[in-house]
C-alpha atoms as a PDB file:
ATOM      1  CA  UNK A   1     -13.937  24.961   9.434  1.00  0.00           C
ATOM      2  CA  UNK A   2     -16.065  21.871   9.881  1.00  0.00           C
ATOM      3  CA  UNK A   3     -14.563  18.497  10.730  1.00  0.00           C
ATOM      4  CA  UNK A   4     -15.904  15.283   9.223  1.00  0.00           C
ATOM      5  CA  UNK A   5     -15.088  11.607   9.510  1.00  0.00           C
ATOM      6  CA  UNK A   6     -15.653   8.794   7.005  1.00  0.00           C
ATOM      7  CA  UNK A   7     -14.785   5.086   7.068  1.00  0.00           C
ATOM      8  CA  UNK A   8     -14.411   2.127   4.721  1.00  0.00           C
ATOM      9  CA  UNK A   9     -14.950   3.732   1.326  1.00  0.00           C
ATOM     10  CA  UNK A  10     -13.843   0.491  -0.352  1.00  0.00           C
ATOM     11  CA  UNK A  11     -13.467   1.874  -3.857  1.00  0.00           C
ATOM     12  CA  UNK A  12     -16.955   3.397  -3.963  1.00  0.00           C
ATOM     13  CA  UNK A  13     -16.132   6.664  -5.725  1.00  0.00           C
ATOM     14  CA  UNK A  14     -19.736   7.346  -6.690  1.00  0.00           C
ATOM     15  CA  UNK A  15     -20.811   6.911  -3.075  1.00  0.00           C
ATOM     16  CA  UNK A  16     -17.969   9.153  -1.897  1.00  0.00           C
ATOM     17  CA  UNK A  17     -19.077  11.926  -4.236  1.00  0.00           C
ATOM     18  CA  UNK A  18     -22.684  11.626  -3.027  1.00  0.00           C
ATOM     19  CA  UNK A  19     -21.470  12.005   0.569  1.00  0.00           C
ATOM     20  CA  UNK A  20     -19.450  15.098  -0.302  1.00  0.00           C
ATOM     21  CA  UNK A  21     -22.344  16.633  -2.212  1.00  0.00           C
ATOM     22  CA  UNK A  22     -24.942  15.909   0.468  1.00  0.00           C
ATOM     23  CA  UNK A  23     -22.719  17.206   3.262  1.00  0.00           C
ATOM     24  CA  UNK A  24     -21.802  20.223   1.121  1.00  0.00           C
ATOM     25  CA  UNK A  25     -18.194  19.415   1.931  1.00  0.00           C
ATOM     26  CA  UNK A  26     -15.814  22.308   1.220  1.00  0.00           C
ATOM     27  CA  UNK A  27     -12.531  21.011  -0.228  1.00  0.00           C
ATOM     28  CA  UNK A  28     -10.667  24.149   0.874  1.00  0.00           C
ATOM     29  CA  UNK A  29     -12.138  24.822   4.319  1.00  0.00           C
ATOM     30  CA  UNK A  30     -13.412  21.550   5.785  1.00  0.00           C
ATOM     31  CA  UNK A  31     -11.293  18.802   7.338  1.00  0.00           C
ATOM     32  CA  UNK A  32     -11.791  15.083   6.769  1.00  0.00           C
ATOM     33  CA  UNK A  33     -10.569  12.155   8.864  1.00  0.00           C
ATOM     34  CA  UNK A  34     -10.482   8.958   6.770  1.00  0.00           C
ATOM     35  CA  UNK A  35     -10.674   5.896   9.017  1.00  0.00           C
ATOM     36  CA  UNK A  36      -8.994   3.467   6.648  1.00  0.00           C
ATOM     37  CA  UNK A  37      -9.933   0.956   3.963  1.00  0.00           C
ATOM     38  CA  UNK A  38     -10.275   3.450   1.139  1.00  0.00           C
ATOM     39  CA  UNK A  39      -9.402   0.593  -1.220  1.00  0.00           C
ATOM     40  CA  UNK A  40     -10.809  -2.795  -2.276  1.00  0.00           C
ATOM     41  CA  UNK A  41     -14.398  -3.598  -3.196  1.00  0.00           C
ATOM     42  CA  UNK A  42     -15.917  -1.485  -5.937  1.00  0.00           C
ATOM     43  CA  UNK A  43     -13.921  -0.746  -9.072  1.00  0.00           C
ATOM     44  CA  UNK A  44     -12.948   2.892  -8.541  1.00  0.00           C
ATOM     45  CA  UNK A  45     -10.281   2.815  -5.846  1.00  0.00           C
ATOM     46  CA  UNK A  46      -7.982   4.932  -8.018  1.00  0.00           C
ATOM     47  CA  UNK A  47     -10.622   7.658  -8.360  1.00  0.00           C
ATOM     48  CA  UNK A  48     -11.276   7.628  -4.608  1.00  0.00           C
ATOM     49  CA  UNK A  49      -7.614   8.230  -3.807  1.00  0.00           C
ATOM     50  CA  UNK A  50      -7.295  10.912  -6.486  1.00  0.00           C
ATOM     51  CA  UNK A  51     -10.342  12.709  -5.058  1.00  0.00           C
ATOM     52  CA  UNK A  52      -9.091  12.571  -1.477  1.00  0.00           C
ATOM     53  CA  UNK A  53      -5.764  14.024  -2.604  1.00  0.00           C
ATOM     54  CA  UNK A  54      -7.660  17.114  -3.782  1.00  0.00           C
ATOM     55  CA  UNK A  55      -8.705  17.926  -0.224  1.00  0.00           C
ATOM     56  CA  UNK A  56      -6.688  20.622   1.494  1.00  0.00           C
ATOM     57  CA  UNK A  57      -7.163  18.996   4.913  1.00  0.00           C
ATOM     58  CA  UNK A  58      -7.329  15.201   4.758  1.00  0.00           C
ATOM     59  CA  UNK A  59      -6.004  13.070   7.616  1.00  0.00           C
ATOM     60  CA  UNK A  60      -5.607   9.476   6.480  1.00  0.00           C
ATOM     61  CA  UNK A  61      -5.563   6.555   8.914  1.00  0.00           C
ATOM     62  CA  UNK A  62      -4.338   3.165   7.734  1.00  0.00           C
ATOM     63  CA  UNK A  63      -6.658   0.160   7.498  1.00  0.00           C
ATOM     64  CA  UNK A  64      -5.985  -3.522   6.942  1.00  0.00           C
ATOM     65  CA  UNK A  65      -7.010  -3.331   3.277  1.00  0.00           C
ATOM     66  CA  UNK A  66      -4.815  -0.284   2.781  1.00  0.00           C
ATOM     67  CA  UNK A  67      -1.838  -2.267   4.064  1.00  0.00           C
ATOM     68  CA  UNK A  68      -2.608  -5.074   1.627  1.00  0.00           C
ATOM     69  CA  UNK A  69      -2.857  -2.562  -1.204  1.00  0.00           C
ATOM     70  CA  UNK A  70       0.379  -0.844  -0.252  1.00  0.00           C
ATOM     71  CA  UNK A  71       2.229  -4.166  -0.179  1.00  0.00           C
ATOM     72  CA  UNK A  72       1.044  -4.822  -3.726  1.00  0.00           C
ATOM     73  CA  UNK A  73       1.707  -1.279  -4.937  1.00  0.00           C
ATOM     74  CA  UNK A  74       5.280  -1.358  -3.634  1.00  0.00           C
ATOM     75  CA  UNK A  75       6.245  -4.994  -4.210  1.00  0.00           C
ATOM     76  CA  UNK A  76       3.609  -6.630  -6.407  1.00  0.00           C
ATOM     77  CA  UNK A  77       2.616  -8.984  -3.585  1.00  0.00           C
ATOM     78  CA  UNK A  78      -1.000 -10.168  -4.027  1.00  0.00           C
ATOM     79  CA  UNK A  79      -2.019 -12.877  -1.522  1.00  0.00           C
ATOM     80  CA  UNK A  80      -5.278 -14.674  -2.176  1.00  0.00           C
ATOM     81  CA  UNK A  81      -6.767 -13.441   1.108  1.00  0.00           C
ATOM     82  CA  UNK A  82      -6.505  -9.940  -0.362  1.00  0.00           C
ATOM     83  CA  UNK A  83      -7.530 -10.566  -3.953  1.00  0.00           C
ATOM     84  CA  UNK A  84     -10.670 -12.436  -2.880  1.00  0.00           C
ATOM     85  CA  UNK A  85     -11.668  -9.609  -0.514  1.00  0.00           C
ATOM     86  CA  UNK A  86     -11.880  -6.885  -3.136  1.00  0.00           C
ATOM     87  CA  UNK A  87      -8.215  -6.659  -4.038  1.00  0.00           C
ATOM     88  CA  UNK A  88      -8.901  -8.022  -7.506  1.00  0.00           C
ATOM     89  CA  UNK A  89     -11.007  -4.962  -8.346  1.00  0.00           C
ATOM     90  CA  UNK A  90      -8.348  -2.671  -6.965  1.00  0.00           C
ATOM     91  CA  UNK A  91      -5.686  -4.277  -9.153  1.00  0.00           C
ATOM     92  CA  UNK A  92      -7.979  -4.064 -12.184  1.00  0.00           C
ATOM     93  CA  UNK A  93      -8.381  -0.297 -11.907  1.00  0.00           C
ATOM     94  CA  UNK A  94      -4.592  -0.018 -12.261  1.00  0.00           C
ATOM     95  CA  UNK A  95      -4.504  -2.359 -15.231  1.00  0.00           C
ATOM     96  CA  UNK A  96      -3.436  -5.287 -13.008  1.00  0.00           C
ATOM     97  CA  UNK A  97       0.108  -3.896 -12.940  1.00  0.00           C
ATOM     98  CA  UNK A  98       1.447  -2.567  -9.662  1.00  0.00           C
ATOM     99  CA  UNK A  99       3.964  -0.406 -11.522  1.00  0.00           C
ATOM    100  CA  UNK A 100       0.986   1.624 -12.794  1.00  0.00           C
ATOM    101  CA  UNK A 101       0.125   2.880  -9.305  1.00  0.00           C
ATOM    102  CA  UNK A 102       1.000   6.611  -9.178  1.00  0.00           C
ATOM    103  CA  UNK A 103       3.593   7.630  -6.611  1.00  0.00           C
ATOM    104  CA  UNK A 104       1.076  10.000  -5.013  1.00  0.00           C
ATOM    105  CA  UNK A 105      -1.293   7.075  -4.412  1.00  0.00           C
ATOM    106  CA  UNK A 106       1.472   5.088  -2.738  1.00  0.00           C
ATOM    107  CA  UNK A 107       2.464   8.031  -0.572  1.00  0.00           C
ATOM    108  CA  UNK A 108      -1.142   8.559   0.503  1.00  0.00           C
ATOM    109  CA  UNK A 109      -0.799   5.315   2.453  1.00  0.00           C
ATOM    110  CA  UNK A 110       2.936   5.419   3.159  1.00  0.00           C
ATOM    111  CA  UNK A 111       2.300   8.681   5.037  1.00  0.00           C
ATOM    112  CA  UNK A 112      -0.913   7.476   6.710  1.00  0.00           C
ATOM    113  CA  UNK A 113      -1.310   7.465  10.485  1.00  0.00           C
ATOM    114  CA  UNK A 114      -1.848   4.369  12.618  1.00  0.00           C
ATOM    115  CA  UNK A 115      -4.241   6.505  14.666  1.00  0.00           C
ATOM    116  CA  UNK A 116      -4.760  10.161  15.526  1.00  0.00           C
ATOM    117  CA  UNK A 117      -5.539  11.744  18.892  1.00  0.00           C
ATOM    118  CA  UNK A 118      -6.873  15.300  19.051  1.00  0.00           C
ATOM    119  CA  UNK A 119      -8.184  17.445  21.874  1.00  0.00           C
ATOM    120  CA  UNK A 120     -10.569  20.292  21.142  1.00  0.00           C
ATOM    121  CA  UNK A 121     -12.748  22.250  23.583  1.00  0.00           C
ATOM    122  CA  UNK A 122     -11.659  19.840  26.336  1.00  0.00           C
ATOM    123  CA  UNK A 123     -12.956  16.864  24.333  1.00  0.00           C
ATOM    124  CA  UNK A 124     -10.367  14.150  23.758  1.00  0.00           C
ATOM    125  CA  UNK A 125     -10.973  12.200  20.568  1.00  0.00           C
ATOM    126  CA  UNK A 126      -9.302   9.179  18.997  1.00  0.00           C
ATOM    127  CA  UNK A 127      -9.558   8.233  15.321  1.00  0.00           C
ATOM    128  CA  UNK A 128      -8.531   4.665  14.479  1.00  0.00           C
ATOM    129  CA  UNK A 129      -9.459   2.040  11.919  1.00  0.00           C
ATOM    130  CA  UNK A 130     -10.323  -1.036  13.958  1.00  0.00           C
ATOM    131  CA  UNK A 131      -9.705  -0.810  17.692  1.00  0.00           C
ATOM    132  CA  UNK A 132      -7.126  -0.899  20.458  1.00  0.00           C
ATOM    133  CA  UNK A 133      -6.370  -2.433  23.838  1.00  0.00           C
ATOM    134  CA  UNK A 134      -7.707   0.087  26.396  1.00  0.00           C
ATOM    135  CA  UNK A 135      -5.450  -1.423  29.069  1.00  0.00           C
ATOM    136  CA  UNK A 136      -2.326  -0.353  27.215  1.00  0.00           C
ATOM    137  CA  UNK A 137      -0.903   3.032  26.373  1.00  0.00           C
ATOM    138  CA  UNK A 138      -1.460   3.981  22.738  1.00  0.00           C
ATOM    139  CA  UNK A 139       2.308   3.880  22.179  1.00  0.00           C
ATOM    140  CA  UNK A 140       2.173   0.141  22.968  1.00  0.00           C
ATOM    141  CA  UNK A 141      -0.520  -0.739  20.398  1.00  0.00           C
ATOM    142  CA  UNK A 142       0.552  -2.959  17.483  1.00  0.00           C
ATOM    143  CA  UNK A 143      -0.273  -2.313  13.839  1.00  0.00           C
ATOM    144  CA  UNK A 144      -2.100  -5.657  13.666  1.00  0.00           C
ATOM    145  CA  UNK A 145      -4.336  -4.650  16.553  1.00  0.00           C
ATOM    146  CA  UNK A 146      -5.230  -1.177  15.296  1.00  0.00           C
ATOM    147  CA  UNK A 147      -6.040  -2.463  11.816  1.00  0.00           C
ATOM    148  CA  UNK A 148      -7.804  -5.737  12.674  1.00  0.00           C
ATOM    149  CA  UNK A 149      -9.305  -5.581  16.194  1.00  0.00           C
ATOM    150  CA  UNK A 150     -13.036  -6.191  16.690  1.00  0.00           C
ATOM    151  CA  UNK A 151     -12.973  -6.768  20.456  1.00  0.00           C
ATOM    152  CA  UNK A 152     -13.245  -3.091  21.391  1.00  0.00           C
ATOM    153  CA  UNK A 153     -16.570  -2.675  19.617  1.00  0.00           C
ATOM    154  CA  UNK A 154     -17.837  -5.965  21.018  1.00  0.00           C
ATOM    155  CA  UNK A 155     -16.956  -4.899  24.571  1.00  0.00           C
ATOM    156  CA  UNK A 156     -18.611  -1.513  24.102  1.00  0.00           C
ATOM    157  CA  UNK A 157     -21.828  -3.056  22.804  1.00  0.00           C
ATOM    158  CA  UNK A 158     -22.054  -5.343  25.840  1.00  0.00           C
ATOM    159  CA  UNK A 159     -21.207  -2.635  28.371  1.00  0.00           C
ATOM    160  CA  UNK A 160     -23.448   0.052  26.865  1.00  0.00           C
ATOM    161  CA  UNK A 161     -26.652  -1.130  28.540  1.00  0.00           C
ATOM    162  CA  UNK A 162     -25.167  -0.991  32.029  1.00  0.00           C
ATOM    163  CA  UNK A 163     -22.556   1.769  31.620  1.00  0.00           C
ATOM    164  CA  UNK A 164     -23.342   3.970  28.594  1.00  0.00           C
ATOM    165  CA  UNK A 165     -21.035   6.650  30.050  1.00  0.00           C
ATOM    166  CA  UNK A 166     -18.009   4.314  30.167  1.00  0.00           C
ATOM    167  CA  UNK A 167     -14.935   5.684  28.403  1.00  0.00           C
ATOM    168  CA  UNK A 168     -12.603   3.111  26.861  1.00  0.00           C
ATOM    169  CA  UNK A 169      -9.019   4.294  26.923  1.00  0.00           C
ATOM    170  CA  UNK A 170      -9.998   7.467  28.741  1.00  0.00           C
ATOM    171  CA  UNK A 171     -11.128   9.144  25.521  1.00  0.00           C
ATOM    172  CA  UNK A 172     -14.335  11.151  25.349  1.00  0.00           C
ATOM    173  CA  UNK A 173     -15.015   9.885  21.825  1.00  0.00           C
ATOM    174  CA  UNK A 174     -13.479   7.146  19.700  1.00  0.00           C
ATOM    175  CA  UNK A 175     -14.283   6.911  15.984  1.00  0.00           C
ATOM    176  CA  UNK A 176     -13.711   3.552  14.300  1.00  0.00           C
ATOM    177  CA  UNK A 177     -14.531   1.696  11.090  1.00  0.00           C
ATOM    178  CA  UNK A 178     -13.663  -1.875  10.048  1.00  0.00           C
ATOM    179  CA  UNK A 179     -16.754  -3.674  11.429  1.00  0.00           C
ATOM    180  CA  UNK A 180     -19.963  -3.012   9.529  1.00  0.00           C
ATOM    181  CA  UNK A 181     -22.825  -1.803  11.713  1.00  0.00           C
ATOM    182  CA  UNK A 182     -25.339  -3.677   9.586  1.00  0.00           C
ATOM    183  CA  UNK A 183     -24.422  -6.852  11.424  1.00  0.00           C
ATOM    184  CA  UNK A 184     -25.967  -5.373  14.592  1.00  0.00           C
ATOM    185  CA  UNK A 185     -29.422  -4.699  13.117  1.00  0.00           C
ATOM    186  CA  UNK A 186     -31.861  -7.503  13.875  1.00  0.00           C
ATOM    187  CA  UNK A 187     -34.576  -5.950  11.746  1.00  0.00           C
ATOM    188  CA  UNK A 188     -32.638  -5.488   8.545  1.00  0.00           C
ATOM    189  CA  UNK A 189     -29.931  -3.292   7.098  1.00  0.00           C
ATOM    190  CA  UNK A 190     -30.360   0.228   8.440  1.00  0.00           C
ATOM    191  CA  UNK A 191     -26.825   1.154   7.417  1.00  0.00           C
ATOM    192  CA  UNK A 192     -26.477   3.802  10.120  1.00  0.00           C
ATOM    193  CA  UNK A 193     -23.622   4.720  12.481  1.00  0.00           C
ATOM    194  CA  UNK A 194     -23.765   3.130  15.939  1.00  0.00           C
ATOM    195  CA  UNK A 195     -22.872   4.689  19.290  1.00  0.00           C
ATOM    196  CA  UNK A 196     -21.886   2.443  22.205  1.00  0.00           C
ATOM    197  CA  UNK A 197     -20.311   4.027  25.307  1.00  0.00           C
ATOM    198  CA  UNK A 198     -17.658   6.362  23.897  1.00  0.00           C
ATOM    199  CA  UNK A 199     -17.328   4.424  20.626  1.00  0.00           C
ATOM    200  CA  UNK A 200     -18.745   5.669  17.336  1.00  0.00           C
ATOM    201  CA  UNK A 201     -18.804   2.945  14.648  1.00  0.00           C
ATOM    202  CA  UNK A 202     -18.793   4.472  11.157  1.00  0.00           C
ATOM    203  CA  UNK A 203     -18.516   1.495   8.784  1.00  0.00           C
ATOM    204  CA  UNK A 204     -22.101   1.330   7.533  1.00  0.00           C
ATOM    205  CA  UNK A 205     -21.505  -1.354   4.926  1.00  0.00           C
ATOM    206  CA  UNK A 206     -20.373   0.779   2.008  1.00  0.00           C
ATOM    207  CA  UNK A 207     -18.203  -2.028   0.669  1.00  0.00           C
ATOM    208  CA  UNK A 208     -21.064  -4.495   0.764  1.00  0.00           C
ATOM    209  CA  UNK A 209     -24.830  -4.050   0.745  1.00  0.00           C
ATOM    210  CA  UNK A 210     -24.953  -0.855   2.809  1.00  0.00           C
ATOM    211  CA  UNK A 211     -24.310   2.862   2.446  1.00  0.00           C
ATOM    212  CA  UNK A 212     -21.283   5.113   2.814  1.00  0.00           C
ATOM    213  CA  UNK A 213     -21.523   7.625   5.662  1.00  0.00           C
ATOM    214  CA  UNK A 214     -19.819  10.934   6.374  1.00  0.00           C
ATOM    215  CA  UNK A 215     -20.366  12.439   9.846  1.00  0.00           C
ATOM    216  CA  UNK A 216     -19.830  15.890  11.297  1.00  0.00           C
ATOM    217  CA  UNK A 217     -17.543  15.158  14.247  1.00  0.00           C
ATOM    218  CA  UNK A 218     -18.916  17.843  16.548  1.00  0.00           C
ATOM    219  CA  UNK A 219     -22.646  17.831  15.766  1.00  0.00           C
ATOM    220  CA  UNK A 220     -22.902  14.094  14.894  1.00  0.00           C
ATOM    221  CA  UNK A 221     -25.098  14.977  11.919  1.00  0.00           C
ATOM    222  CA  UNK A 222     -24.411  12.455   9.185  1.00  0.00           C
ATOM    223  CA  UNK A 223     -24.983  12.259   5.463  1.00  0.00           C
ATOM    224  CA  UNK A 224     -25.148   9.082   3.409  1.00  0.00           C
ATOM    225  CA  UNK A 225     -24.892   7.783  -0.104  1.00  0.00           C
ATOM    226  CA  UNK A 226     -27.513   5.615  -1.707  1.00  0.00           C
ATOM    227  CA  UNK A 227     -27.053   1.901  -1.133  1.00  0.00           C
ATOM    228  CA  UNK A 228     -23.733   1.497  -2.891  1.00  0.00           C
ATOM    229  CA  UNK A 229     -24.688  -1.627  -4.828  1.00  0.00           C
ATOM    230  CA  UNK A 230     -27.338   0.460  -6.629  1.00  0.00           C
ATOM    231  CA  UNK A 231     -24.571   2.762  -7.834  1.00  0.00           C
ATOM    232  CA  UNK A 232     -22.650  -0.213  -9.233  1.00  0.00           C
ATOM    233  CA  UNK A 233     -25.456  -2.488 -10.503  1.00  0.00           C
ATOM    234  CA  UNK A 234     -23.126  -4.741 -12.477  1.00  0.00           C
ATOM    235  CA  UNK A 235     -20.666  -5.341  -9.651  1.00  0.00           C
ATOM    236  CA  UNK A 236     -20.523  -7.313  -6.420  1.00  0.00           C
ATOM    237  CA  UNK A 237     -18.276  -5.052  -4.356  1.00  0.00           C
ATOM    238  CA  UNK A 238     -16.492  -7.166  -1.779  1.00  0.00           C
ATOM    239  CA  UNK A 239     -19.056  -9.937  -2.195  1.00  0.00           C
END
């Protein structure tokens, strides 16, 4: 069994399928950690969720957009801060009626994890959407923090030059999404994962102008889609 991680799919079904194909992902044998924000952006959120439900071993972690989507899917609540950040395209793929959302799609997020800790071969790993407060026990983290935080990645970027071996939270490796790595490239949009201290940032701009990335957790080999906007030439994604 191989273990993979992916972040911030944002409705890009065509990009997701390219990642699976290029990684030769085995739906029966391989395991996938989804770091949140499967929804909102491109127009195929429903297909993304349906595809992920086909996987035998899929560990879903909740993101801020997923929480927005779930609130709509359960209650029909659609705040403007959601609809203008890709939520409109998510609603459209369900015919703009929350009652059309399949129960399995709702449960995919109702049963999602706030974070996951695993230890394998004496390596302690954390999978989380946004970030956490390393000065607090994980049991004390709030849902707002783990789905919205950007401080952890900012701290790691600053500390990396002086202490690249520093381990936030005592973990050997932390995998996060939420903040696109393209914003850190001074020379353009490389759309590649970033590694600062013990933090691996996996949101490579798949909901915007970048690519979607799937990474082998142990080897760190990664596979990417084309730039997602080229797969949806008539759409703007989250833009």
